[in-house]
Amino acid sequence: MKAIVVTDQAAGKAGMQLVERPEPQGAINDVIVRVYASAMTGDELSWPSTWTDRAGRDRTPSVPGHELAGIVTSLGYGTTGLTIGQRVFGLTDWYRDGTLAEYVAVEARNLSPLPADVDFTEGAGLVMPGLTAWQGLFVHGRLRPGQAVLVHGAAGVVGSMAAQLARAAGAYVIGTGRAEGRQRALDFGAHEYIDLENEKLQDAGEVDLVFDIFGGDIANQSAGLIRPGGTLVTIAGPTEARPANGQAIDFVVEANPNQLNEIVQRLREGRLRTNIGNTSTLSDAVATYNSADRVNGKTIIRVLH
């Protein structure tokens, strides 16, 4: 099969290569999925799990990408809950070869059925942004109707999903980001927007929840805006930012088929939109990712098209 591999952490995206590899073999409780659409998170080449196994041993050349939509082609021993020929989408394990390939072996428990009326591109575009936003807002942030939420990077891939979900849940949404992102953030559900290049974050006033993607000084400033009992949730790693009378939680997104079911249903009902920028083919994926840094929206690779 054709696959993208990485072999040199120092080279980053410049070290990506398109190669021929053997098709994967499914372990117990795995399925093999024929990948139709895939995506890679921008910073995953900096994650230890891209380069090593759980024991810290080198596992290169490794296949990046952990978001997929495709069709099940075979079942591993003991696998239940899915069938051959079924359309699926989901998030694969960080420490296993990923989805920028024609086939991938995935634990069945990580996958959710993809409804027939949802395109594979849309399905792949929902996975990481949707799960990250859902878990940050509702699992860790415990967002409730009527609360005010500050969503950093609200024009971006994850932030735009968080803005939509928060507004649909009855929250008042204040987005932040660069000046150029204002209209996109408002289009994706923010009630108002703070341009972090030219306006003061403190203009947001007090909020109940901060959804942070930046960390650093932005997270520290944000902590000072949180009402007593509120929460700062961040995907930027451990933070020293602490609300005076609240809590701070950093988290790593996890696969969750039940949450994906909820998210894709909102897409089908027109209550949620993906934020997709470029689409490309597997043959052009290396060039696409090496020029994707300033592209608005998620880059999706159409592996089978």
C-alpha atoms as a PDB file:
ATOM      1  CA  MET A   1       0.000   0.000   0.000  1.00  0.00           C
ATOM      2  CA  LYS A   2       0.997   3.655  -0.321  1.00  0.00           C
ATOM      3  CA  ALA A   3       1.653   5.551   2.889  1.00  0.00           C
ATOM      4  CA  ILE A   4       3.301   8.698   4.207  1.00  0.00           C
ATOM      5  CA  VAL A   5       6.114   8.007   6.668  1.00  0.00           C
ATOM      6  CA  VAL A   6       8.372  10.119   8.854  1.00  0.00           C
ATOM      7  CA  THR A   7      11.854   9.066   9.945  1.00  0.00           C
ATOM      8  CA  ASP A   8      13.563  12.160  11.340  1.00  0.00           C
ATOM      9  CA  GLN A   9      12.049  14.250  14.113  1.00  0.00           C
ATOM     10  CA  ALA A  10      14.446  17.128  13.533  1.00  0.00           C
ATOM     11  CA  ALA A  11      13.323  17.423   9.908  1.00  0.00           C
ATOM     12  CA  GLY A  12       9.646  17.762  10.843  1.00  0.00           C
ATOM     13  CA  LYS A  13       7.284  17.986   7.882  1.00  0.00           C
ATOM     14  CA  ALA A  14      10.248  18.309   5.528  1.00  0.00           C
ATOM     15  CA  GLY A  15      11.121  14.704   6.389  1.00  0.00           C
ATOM     16  CA  MET A  16       7.790  13.262   5.232  1.00  0.00           C
ATOM     17  CA  GLN A  17       7.989  10.710   2.406  1.00  0.00           C
ATOM     18  CA  LEU A  18       5.507   8.795   0.259  1.00  0.00           C
ATOM     19  CA  VAL A  19       6.518   5.111   0.225  1.00  0.00           C
ATOM     20  CA  GLU A  20       5.220   1.605  -0.407  1.00  0.00           C
ATOM     21  CA  ARG A  21       4.577  -0.434   2.754  1.00  0.00           C
ATOM     22  CA  PRO A  22       2.989  -3.780   3.540  1.00  0.00           C
ATOM     23  CA  GLU A  23      -0.684  -3.602   4.423  1.00  0.00           C
ATOM     24  CA  PRO A  24      -1.246  -3.741   8.211  1.00  0.00           C
ATOM     25  CA  GLN A  25      -2.401  -6.862  10.004  1.00  0.00           C
ATOM     26  CA  GLY A  26      -5.160  -6.545  12.564  1.00  0.00           C
ATOM     27  CA  ALA A  27      -4.497  -7.611  16.159  1.00  0.00           C
ATOM     28  CA  ILE A  28      -7.120  -8.867  18.602  1.00  0.00           C
ATOM     29  CA  ASN A  29     -10.121  -6.490  18.679  1.00  0.00           C
ATOM     30  CA  ASP A  30      -8.794  -4.529  15.688  1.00  0.00           C
ATOM     31  CA  VAL A  31     -10.368  -3.736  12.368  1.00  0.00           C
ATOM     32  CA  ILE A  32      -8.605  -2.928   9.121  1.00  0.00           C
ATOM     33  CA  VAL A  33     -10.010   0.217   7.542  1.00  0.00           C
ATOM     34  CA  ARG A  34      -9.624   1.254   3.915  1.00  0.00           C
ATOM     35  CA  VAL A  35      -8.936   4.943   4.428  1.00  0.00           C
ATOM     36  CA  TYR A  36     -10.976   7.308   2.276  1.00  0.00           C
ATOM     37  CA  ALA A  37     -10.090  10.552   4.058  1.00  0.00           C
ATOM     38  CA  SER A  38      -7.479  11.380   6.659  1.00  0.00           C
ATOM     39  CA  ALA A  39      -6.021  14.338   8.506  1.00  0.00           C
ATOM     40  CA  MET A  40      -2.928  15.181  10.516  1.00  0.00           C
ATOM     41  CA  THR A  41      -2.749  17.580  13.450  1.00  0.00           C
ATOM     42  CA  GLY A  42      -0.197  20.317  12.834  1.00  0.00           C
ATOM     43  CA  ASP A  43       2.041  19.663  15.836  1.00  0.00           C
ATOM     44  CA  GLU A  44       1.894  15.883  16.064  1.00  0.00           C
ATOM     45  CA  LEU A  45       5.419  15.519  14.658  1.00  0.00           C
ATOM     46  CA  SER A  46       6.602  17.054  17.949  1.00  0.00           C
ATOM     47  CA  TRP A  47       4.849  14.387  20.036  1.00  0.00           C
ATOM     48  CA  PRO A  48       6.985  11.558  21.484  1.00  0.00           C
ATOM     49  CA  SER A  49       4.286   9.057  20.479  1.00  0.00           C
ATOM     50  CA  THR A  50       4.974   9.758  16.794  1.00  0.00           C
ATOM     51  CA  TRP A  51       8.507   8.457  17.169  1.00  0.00           C
ATOM     52  CA  THR A  52       8.480   5.856  19.937  1.00  0.00           C
ATOM     53  CA  ASP A  53       6.313   3.126  21.389  1.00  0.00           C
ATOM     54  CA  ARG A  54       4.960   3.249  24.933  1.00  0.00           C
ATOM     55  CA  ALA A  55       8.229   1.815  26.268  1.00  0.00           C
ATOM     56  CA  GLY A  56      10.215   4.619  24.644  1.00  0.00           C
ATOM     57  CA  ARG A  57      11.667   2.460  21.862  1.00  0.00           C
ATOM     58  CA  ASP A  58      12.126   3.945  18.420  1.00  0.00           C
ATOM     59  CA  ARG A  59       9.339   2.925  16.027  1.00  0.00           C
ATOM     60  CA  THR A  60      10.317   4.830  12.892  1.00  0.00           C
ATOM     61  CA  PRO A  61       9.591   4.897  10.040  1.00  0.00           C
ATOM     62  CA  SER A  62       6.134   5.688  11.381  1.00  0.00           C
ATOM     63  CA  VAL A  63       2.923   6.749   9.653  1.00  0.00           C
ATOM     64  CA  PRO A  64       1.478  10.027  11.006  1.00  0.00           C
ATOM     65  CA  GLY A  65      -2.158  11.111  11.066  1.00  0.00           C
ATOM     66  CA  HIS A  66      -4.768   9.879  13.549  1.00  0.00           C
ATOM     67  CA  GLU A  67      -8.073  11.105  12.106  1.00  0.00           C
ATOM     68  CA  LEU A  68      -9.864   9.029   9.517  1.00  0.00           C
ATOM     69  CA  ALA A  69     -13.030   8.151   7.706  1.00  0.00           C
ATOM     70  CA  GLY A  70     -13.263   4.972   5.650  1.00  0.00           C
ATOM     71  CA  ILE A  71     -14.696   1.491   5.245  1.00  0.00           C
ATOM     72  CA  VAL A  72     -13.985  -1.626   7.319  1.00  0.00           C
ATOM     73  CA  THR A  73     -12.374  -4.317   5.174  1.00  0.00           C
ATOM     74  CA  SER A  74     -11.570  -7.000   7.759  1.00  0.00           C
ATOM     75  CA  LEU A  75     -11.992  -7.853  11.424  1.00  0.00           C
ATOM     76  CA  GLY A  76      -9.346  -9.002  13.877  1.00  0.00           C
ATOM     77  CA  TYR A  77      -9.908 -11.952  16.174  1.00  0.00           C
ATOM     78  CA  GLY A  78     -12.582 -11.233  18.765  1.00  0.00           C
ATOM     79  CA  THR A  79     -13.705  -7.959  17.202  1.00  0.00           C
ATOM     80  CA  THR A  80     -17.354  -7.112  17.795  1.00  0.00           C
ATOM     81  CA  GLY A  81     -19.605  -4.135  17.157  1.00  0.00           C
ATOM     82  CA  LEU A  82     -18.499  -3.423  13.586  1.00  0.00           C
ATOM     83  CA  THR A  83     -18.955  -5.270  10.305  1.00  0.00           C
ATOM     84  CA  ILE A  84     -17.052  -5.632   7.053  1.00  0.00           C
ATOM     85  CA  GLY A  85     -18.188  -2.978   4.585  1.00  0.00           C
ATOM     86  CA  GLN A  86     -19.305  -0.562   7.296  1.00  0.00           C
ATOM     87  CA  ARG A  87     -18.558   3.148   6.970  1.00  0.00           C
ATOM     88  CA  VAL A  88     -16.666   4.409  10.038  1.00  0.00           C
ATOM     89  CA  PHE A  89     -14.756   7.404  11.355  1.00  0.00           C
ATOM     90  CA  GLY A  90     -12.672   8.020  14.430  1.00  0.00           C
ATOM     91  CA  LEU A  91      -9.421   8.736  16.195  1.00  0.00           C
ATOM     92  CA  THR A  92      -6.602   6.172  16.208  1.00  0.00           C
ATOM     93  CA  ASP A  93      -4.075   5.365  18.932  1.00  0.00           C
ATOM     94  CA  TRP A  94      -1.162   7.820  19.218  1.00  0.00           C
ATOM     95  CA  TYR A  95       1.467   5.080  19.519  1.00  0.00           C
ATOM     96  CA  ARG A  96       0.427   3.094  16.443  1.00  0.00           C
ATOM     97  CA  ASP A  97       0.903   3.793  12.761  1.00  0.00           C
ATOM     98  CA  GLY A  98      -1.618   6.358  11.656  1.00  0.00           C
ATOM     99  CA  THR A  99      -4.025   7.161   8.888  1.00  0.00           C
ATOM    100  CA  LEU A 100      -1.996   8.820   6.117  1.00  0.00           C
ATOM    101  CA  ALA A 101      -2.045   5.490   4.340  1.00  0.00           C
ATOM    102  CA  GLU A 102      -4.359   3.432   2.166  1.00  0.00           C
ATOM    103  CA  TYR A 103      -5.099   1.030   5.038  1.00  0.00           C
ATOM    104  CA  VAL A 104      -4.814   1.281   8.812  1.00  0.00           C
ATOM    105  CA  ALA A 105      -5.283  -1.131  11.725  1.00  0.00           C
ATOM    106  CA  VAL A 106      -7.476   0.437  14.409  1.00  0.00           C
ATOM    107  CA  GLU A 107      -8.950  -0.729  17.679  1.00  0.00           C
ATOM    108  CA  ALA A 108     -12.651  -1.168  16.985  1.00  0.00           C
ATOM    109  CA  ARG A 109     -13.531   0.638  20.225  1.00  0.00           C
ATOM    110  CA  ASN A 110     -12.072   3.861  18.762  1.00  0.00           C
ATOM    111  CA  LEU A 111     -14.449   3.993  15.797  1.00  0.00           C
ATOM    112  CA  SER A 112     -17.984   5.202  15.302  1.00  0.00           C
ATOM    113  CA  PRO A 113     -20.356   4.434  12.400  1.00  0.00           C
ATOM    114  CA  LEU A 114     -20.312   7.186   9.773  1.00  0.00           C
ATOM    115  CA  PRO A 115     -23.834   7.856   8.474  1.00  0.00           C
ATOM    116  CA  ALA A 116     -24.331   7.342   4.743  1.00  0.00           C
ATOM    117  CA  ASP A 117     -25.338  10.976   4.216  1.00  0.00           C
ATOM    118  CA  VAL A 118     -22.030  12.334   5.600  1.00  0.00           C
ATOM    119  CA  ASP A 119     -19.152  12.586   3.150  1.00  0.00           C
ATOM    120  CA  PHE A 120     -15.843  10.976   4.111  1.00  0.00           C
ATOM    121  CA  THR A 121     -14.118  14.367   3.920  1.00  0.00           C
ATOM    122  CA  GLU A 122     -16.622  15.861   6.362  1.00  0.00           C
ATOM    123  CA  GLY A 123     -16.295  12.844   8.630  1.00  0.00           C
ATOM    124  CA  ALA A 124     -12.508  13.092   8.845  1.00  0.00           C
ATOM    125  CA  GLY A 125     -12.791  16.841   9.416  1.00  0.00           C
ATOM    126  CA  LEU A 126     -14.984  16.323  12.468  1.00  0.00           C
ATOM    127  CA  VAL A 127     -12.845  13.912  14.440  1.00  0.00           C
ATOM    128  CA  MET A 128     -10.042  15.753  16.235  1.00  0.00           C
ATOM    129  CA  PRO A 129     -11.632  19.228  16.324  1.00  0.00           C
ATOM    130  CA  GLY A 130     -15.006  17.860  17.378  1.00  0.00           C
ATOM    131  CA  LEU A 131     -13.722  15.599  20.137  1.00  0.00           C
ATOM    132  CA  THR A 132     -11.302  18.227  21.459  1.00  0.00           C
ATOM    133  CA  ALA A 133     -13.988  20.889  21.631  1.00  0.00           C
ATOM    134  CA  TRP A 134     -16.578  18.536  23.121  1.00  0.00           C
ATOM    135  CA  GLN A 135     -14.285  17.222  25.838  1.00  0.00           C
ATOM    136  CA  GLY A 136     -12.921  20.664  26.688  1.00  0.00           C
ATOM    137  CA  LEU A 137     -16.346  22.257  26.987  1.00  0.00           C
ATOM    138  CA  PHE A 138     -18.561  19.541  28.414  1.00  0.00           C
ATOM    139  CA  VAL A 139     -16.349  16.902  30.043  1.00  0.00           C
ATOM    140  CA  HIS A 140     -13.661  19.071  31.623  1.00  0.00           C
ATOM    141  CA  GLY A 141     -15.327  22.489  31.520  1.00  0.00           C
ATOM    142  CA  ARG A 142     -18.834  21.296  32.483  1.00  0.00           C
ATOM    143  CA  LEU A 143     -20.357  24.088  30.450  1.00  0.00           C
ATOM    144  CA  ARG A 144     -23.964  24.968  31.283  1.00  0.00           C
ATOM    145  CA  PRO A 145     -26.569  27.108  29.508  1.00  0.00           C
ATOM    146  CA  GLY A 146     -26.321  30.778  30.339  1.00  0.00           C
ATOM    147  CA  GLN A 147     -22.610  30.735  31.089  1.00  0.00           C
ATOM    148  CA  ALA A 148     -20.035  32.933  29.371  1.00  0.00           C
ATOM    149  CA  VAL A 149     -17.175  31.142  27.638  1.00  0.00           C
ATOM    150  CA  LEU A 150     -13.994  32.637  26.219  1.00  0.00           C
ATOM    151  CA  VAL A 151     -12.805  30.611  23.209  1.00  0.00           C
ATOM    152  CA  HIS A 152      -9.254  31.324  22.106  1.00  0.00           C
ATOM    153  CA  GLY A 153      -8.458  30.815  18.443  1.00  0.00           C
ATOM    154  CA  ALA A 154     -12.157  30.920  17.605  1.00  0.00           C
ATOM    155  CA  ALA A 155     -11.515  31.202  13.863  1.00  0.00           C
ATOM    156  CA  GLY A 156      -9.255  28.140  13.872  1.00  0.00           C
ATOM    157  CA  VAL A 157      -9.971  24.471  13.390  1.00  0.00           C
ATOM    158  CA  VAL A 158     -10.608  23.563  17.033  1.00  0.00           C
ATOM    159  CA  GLY A 159     -11.772  26.974  18.242  1.00  0.00           C
ATOM    160  CA  SER A 160     -14.445  27.270  15.559  1.00  0.00           C
ATOM    161  CA  MET A 161     -15.871  23.928  16.653  1.00  0.00           C
ATOM    162  CA  ALA A 162     -15.806  25.015  20.297  1.00  0.00           C
ATOM    163  CA  ALA A 163     -17.564  28.271  19.453  1.00  0.00           C
ATOM    164  CA  GLN A 164     -20.356  26.458  17.623  1.00  0.00           C
ATOM    165  CA  LEU A 165     -20.876  23.821  20.302  1.00  0.00           C
ATOM    166  CA  ALA A 166     -20.800  26.356  23.121  1.00  0.00           C
ATOM    167  CA  ARG A 167     -23.324  28.640  21.456  1.00  0.00           C
ATOM    168  CA  ALA A 168     -25.630  25.727  20.649  1.00  0.00           C
ATOM    169  CA  ALA A 169     -25.440  24.736  24.329  1.00  0.00           C
ATOM    170  CA  GLY A 170     -26.814  28.145  25.343  1.00  0.00           C
ATOM    171  CA  ALA A 171     -23.553  29.855  26.285  1.00  0.00           C
ATOM    172  CA  TYR A 172     -22.484  33.401  25.493  1.00  0.00           C
ATOM    173  CA  VAL A 173     -19.345  33.023  23.356  1.00  0.00           C
ATOM    174  CA  ILE A 174     -16.472  35.492  23.208  1.00  0.00           C
ATOM    175  CA  GLY A 175     -13.910  34.535  20.576  1.00  0.00           C
ATOM    176  CA  THR A 176     -10.307  35.676  20.322  1.00  0.00           C
ATOM    177  CA  GLY A 177      -7.517  35.515  17.784  1.00  0.00           C
ATOM    178  CA  ARG A 178      -5.799  37.558  15.089  1.00  0.00           C
ATOM    179  CA  ALA A 179      -7.483  40.561  13.504  1.00  0.00           C
ATOM    180  CA  GLU A 180      -8.031  38.669  10.263  1.00  0.00           C
ATOM    181  CA  GLY A 181     -10.077  35.997  12.060  1.00  0.00           C
ATOM    182  CA  ARG A 182     -12.865  38.236  13.330  1.00  0.00           C
ATOM    183  CA  GLN A 183     -15.487  37.560  10.667  1.00  0.00           C
ATOM    184  CA  ARG A 184     -14.740  33.833  10.516  1.00  0.00           C
ATOM    185  CA  ALA A 185     -15.145  33.552  14.292  1.00  0.00           C
ATOM    186  CA  LEU A 186     -18.439  35.426  14.202  1.00  0.00           C
ATOM    187  CA  ASP A 187     -19.621  33.239  11.325  1.00  0.00           C
ATOM    188  CA  PHE A 188     -18.812  30.160  13.402  1.00  0.00           C
ATOM    189  CA  GLY A 189     -20.880  31.282  16.352  1.00  0.00           C
ATOM    190  CA  ALA A 190     -18.986  33.795  18.490  1.00  0.00           C
ATOM    191  CA  HIS A 191     -21.228  36.560  19.818  1.00  0.00           C
ATOM    192  CA  GLU A 192     -18.285  38.945  19.990  1.00  0.00           C
ATOM    193  CA  TYR A 193     -14.577  38.895  19.202  1.00  0.00           C
ATOM    194  CA  ILE A 194     -11.381  40.255  20.703  1.00  0.00           C
ATOM    195  CA  ASP A 195      -8.468  40.921  18.367  1.00  0.00           C
ATOM    196  CA  LEU A 196      -5.478  39.924  20.490  1.00  0.00           C
ATOM    197  CA  GLU A 197      -3.144  41.952  18.275  1.00  0.00           C
ATOM    198  CA  ASN A 198      -4.921  45.277  18.835  1.00  0.00           C
ATOM    199  CA  GLU A 199      -7.386  44.900  21.705  1.00  0.00           C
ATOM    200  CA  LYS A 200      -7.138  44.003  25.382  1.00  0.00           C
ATOM    201  CA  LEU A 201      -8.116  40.535  26.506  1.00  0.00           C
ATOM    202  CA  GLN A 202      -9.452  42.090  29.697  1.00  0.00           C
ATOM    203  CA  ASP A 203     -12.227  43.674  27.600  1.00  0.00           C
ATOM    204  CA  ALA A 204     -13.909  40.271  27.703  1.00  0.00           C
ATOM    205  CA  GLY A 205     -14.879  40.881  31.319  1.00  0.00           C
ATOM    206  CA  GLU A 206     -15.598  37.983  33.652  1.00  0.00           C
ATOM    207  CA  VAL A 207     -16.331  34.543  32.190  1.00  0.00           C
ATOM    208  CA  ASP A 208     -17.252  31.128  33.574  1.00  0.00           C
ATOM    209  CA  LEU A 209     -15.062  29.060  31.264  1.00  0.00           C
ATOM    210  CA  VAL A 210     -11.953  29.624  29.166  1.00  0.00           C
ATOM    211  CA  PHE A 211     -11.178  27.236  26.307  1.00  0.00           C
ATOM    212  CA  ASP A 212      -7.460  27.794  25.707  1.00  0.00           C
ATOM    213  CA  ILE A 213      -5.248  26.643  22.847  1.00  0.00           C
ATOM    214  CA  PHE A 214      -2.339  29.053  23.339  1.00  0.00           C
ATOM    215  CA  GLY A 215      -0.953  28.558  26.831  1.00  0.00           C
ATOM    216  CA  GLY A 216       1.723  30.947  28.101  1.00  0.00           C
ATOM    217  CA  ASP A 217       0.865  34.568  28.764  1.00  0.00           C
ATOM    218  CA  ILE A 218      -2.572  34.302  27.141  1.00  0.00           C
ATOM    219  CA  ALA A 219      -3.527  31.521  29.538  1.00  0.00           C
ATOM    220  CA  ASN A 220      -2.165  33.494  32.485  1.00  0.00           C
ATOM    221  CA  GLN A 221      -4.177  36.577  31.547  1.00  0.00           C
ATOM    222  CA  SER A 222      -7.260  34.442  30.955  1.00  0.00           C
ATOM    223  CA  ALA A 223      -7.078  32.919  34.425  1.00  0.00           C
ATOM    224  CA  GLY A 224      -7.661  36.357  35.887  1.00  0.00           C
ATOM    225  CA  LEU A 225     -10.987  36.665  34.049  1.00  0.00           C
ATOM    226  CA  ILE A 226     -12.601  33.560  35.484  1.00  0.00           C
ATOM    227  CA  ARG A 227     -15.447  33.963  37.954  1.00  0.00           C
ATOM    228  CA  PRO A 228     -15.356  32.069  41.273  1.00  0.00           C
ATOM    229  CA  GLY A 229     -16.012  28.414  40.621  1.00  0.00           C
ATOM    230  CA  GLY A 230     -15.076  28.718  36.938  1.00  0.00           C
ATOM    231  CA  THR A 231     -12.599  26.699  34.894  1.00  0.00           C
ATOM    232  CA  LEU A 232      -9.704  27.193  32.512  1.00  0.00           C
ATOM    233  CA  VAL A 233      -9.283  24.232  30.170  1.00  0.00           C
ATOM    234  CA  THR A 234      -6.259  24.085  27.897  1.00  0.00           C
ATOM    235  CA  ILE A 235      -4.830  21.813  25.227  1.00  0.00           C
ATOM    236  CA  ALA A 236      -1.501  23.671  25.312  1.00  0.00           C
ATOM    237  CA  GLY A 237       0.001  21.390  27.976  1.00  0.00           C
ATOM    238  CA  PRO A 238       0.495  21.839  31.717  1.00  0.00           C
ATOM    239  CA  THR A 239      -0.019  25.442  32.730  1.00  0.00           C
ATOM    240  CA  GLU A 240       0.932  27.577  35.695  1.00  0.00           C
ATOM    241  CA  ALA A 241      -2.178  29.658  35.091  1.00  0.00           C
ATOM    242  CA  ARG A 242      -4.613  29.208  37.959  1.00  0.00           C
ATOM    243  CA  PRO A 243      -7.892  31.059  38.525  1.00  0.00           C
ATOM    244  CA  ALA A 244      -7.960  32.568  42.009  1.00  0.00           C
ATOM    245  CA  ASN A 245     -11.195  30.789  42.926  1.00  0.00           C
ATOM    246  CA  GLY A 246     -11.516  28.173  40.215  1.00  0.00           C
ATOM    247  CA  GLN A 247      -9.616  25.358  38.592  1.00  0.00           C
ATOM    248  CA  ALA A 248      -7.285  24.799  35.635  1.00  0.00           C
ATOM    249  CA  ILE A 249      -7.324  21.579  33.620  1.00  0.00           C
ATOM    250  CA  ASP A 250      -4.981  20.566  30.807  1.00  0.00           C
ATOM    251  CA  PHE A 251      -6.059  17.561  28.790  1.00  0.00           C
ATOM    252  CA  VAL A 252      -5.225  15.412  25.793  1.00  0.00           C
ATOM    253  CA  VAL A 253      -8.126  14.489  23.534  1.00  0.00           C
ATOM    254  CA  GLU A 254      -9.275  10.865  23.679  1.00  0.00           C
ATOM    255  CA  ALA A 255     -11.163   8.656  21.263  1.00  0.00           C
ATOM    256  CA  ASN A 256     -14.827   8.448  22.162  1.00  0.00           C
ATOM    257  CA  PRO A 257     -17.348   6.937  19.709  1.00  0.00           C
ATOM    258  CA  ASN A 258     -20.361   8.050  21.749  1.00  0.00           C
ATOM    259  CA  GLN A 259     -19.250  11.664  21.577  1.00  0.00           C
ATOM    260  CA  LEU A 260     -18.587  11.308  17.842  1.00  0.00           C
ATOM    261  CA  ASN A 261     -22.155  10.071  17.423  1.00  0.00           C
ATOM    262  CA  GLU A 262     -23.424  13.218  19.128  1.00  0.00           C
ATOM    263  CA  ILE A 263     -21.168  15.457  17.061  1.00  0.00           C
ATOM    264  CA  VAL A 264     -21.990  13.932  13.680  1.00  0.00           C
ATOM    265  CA  GLN A 265     -25.713  14.108  14.435  1.00  0.00           C
ATOM    266  CA  ARG A 266     -25.375  17.867  14.904  1.00  0.00           C
ATOM    267  CA  LEU A 267     -23.634  18.061  11.538  1.00  0.00           C
ATOM    268  CA  ARG A 268     -26.450  16.137   9.878  1.00  0.00           C
ATOM    269  CA  GLU A 269     -29.042  18.449  11.415  1.00  0.00           C
ATOM    270  CA  GLY A 270     -27.243  21.544  10.160  1.00  0.00           C
ATOM    271  CA  ARG A 271     -26.318  22.696  13.668  1.00  0.00           C
ATOM    272  CA  LEU A 272     -22.565  22.240  13.156  1.00  0.00           C
ATOM    273  CA  ARG A 273     -20.095  22.913  10.345  1.00  0.00           C
ATOM    274  CA  THR A 274     -16.601  21.614   9.780  1.00  0.00           C
ATOM    275  CA  ASN A 275     -13.790  24.089   9.212  1.00  0.00           C
ATOM    276  CA  ILE A 276     -12.033  22.520   6.226  1.00  0.00           C
ATOM    277  CA  GLY A 277      -9.400  24.430   4.266  1.00  0.00           C
ATOM    278  CA  ASN A 278      -7.385  22.453   1.723  1.00  0.00           C
ATOM    279  CA  THR A 279      -8.177  19.014   0.402  1.00  0.00           C
ATOM    280  CA  SER A 280      -5.471  17.025  -1.324  1.00  0.00           C
ATOM    281  CA  THR A 281      -4.529  13.515  -2.402  1.00  0.00           C
ATOM    282  CA  LEU A 282      -2.128  11.096  -0.740  1.00  0.00           C
ATOM    283  CA  SER A 283       0.283  11.551  -3.656  1.00  0.00           C
ATOM    284  CA  ASP A 284       0.366  15.304  -2.986  1.00  0.00           C
ATOM    285  CA  ALA A 285       0.161  15.115   0.808  1.00  0.00           C
ATOM    286  CA  VAL A 286       3.835  15.840   1.474  1.00  0.00           C
ATOM    287  CA  ALA A 287       3.761  19.068  -0.576  1.00  0.00           C
ATOM    288  CA  THR A 288       0.373  20.000   0.867  1.00  0.00           C
ATOM    289  CA  TYR A 289       1.465  19.717   4.500  1.00  0.00           C
ATOM    290  CA  ASN A 290       4.710  21.543   3.843  1.00  0.00           C
ATOM    291  CA  SER A 291       2.739  24.553   2.607  1.00  0.00           C
ATOM    292  CA  ALA A 292      -0.218  24.364   4.999  1.00  0.00           C
ATOM    293  CA  ASP A 293       0.892  26.564   7.889  1.00  0.00           C
ATOM    294  CA  ARG A 294      -1.058  29.668   6.854  1.00  0.00           C
ATOM    295  CA  VAL A 295      -4.091  27.924   5.376  1.00  0.00           C
ATOM    296  CA  ASN A 296      -7.389  28.639   7.133  1.00  0.00           C
ATOM    297  CA  GLY A 297      -9.099  25.432   8.161  1.00  0.00           C
ATOM    298  CA  LYS A 298      -8.303  21.745   8.412  1.00  0.00           C
ATOM    299  CA  THR A 299      -6.265  20.046   5.697  1.00  0.00           C
ATOM    300  CA  ILE A 300      -7.907  16.810   4.589  1.00  0.00           C
ATOM    301  CA  ILE A 301      -6.177  14.128   2.527  1.00  0.00           C
ATOM    302  CA  ARG A 302      -8.511  12.219   0.226  1.00  0.00           C
ATOM    303  CA  VAL A 303      -6.692   8.874   0.228  1.00  0.00           C
ATOM    304  CA  LEU A 304      -9.259   7.161  -1.984  1.00  0.00           C
ATOM    305  CA  HIS A 305     -11.019   9.476  -4.409  1.00  0.00           C
END
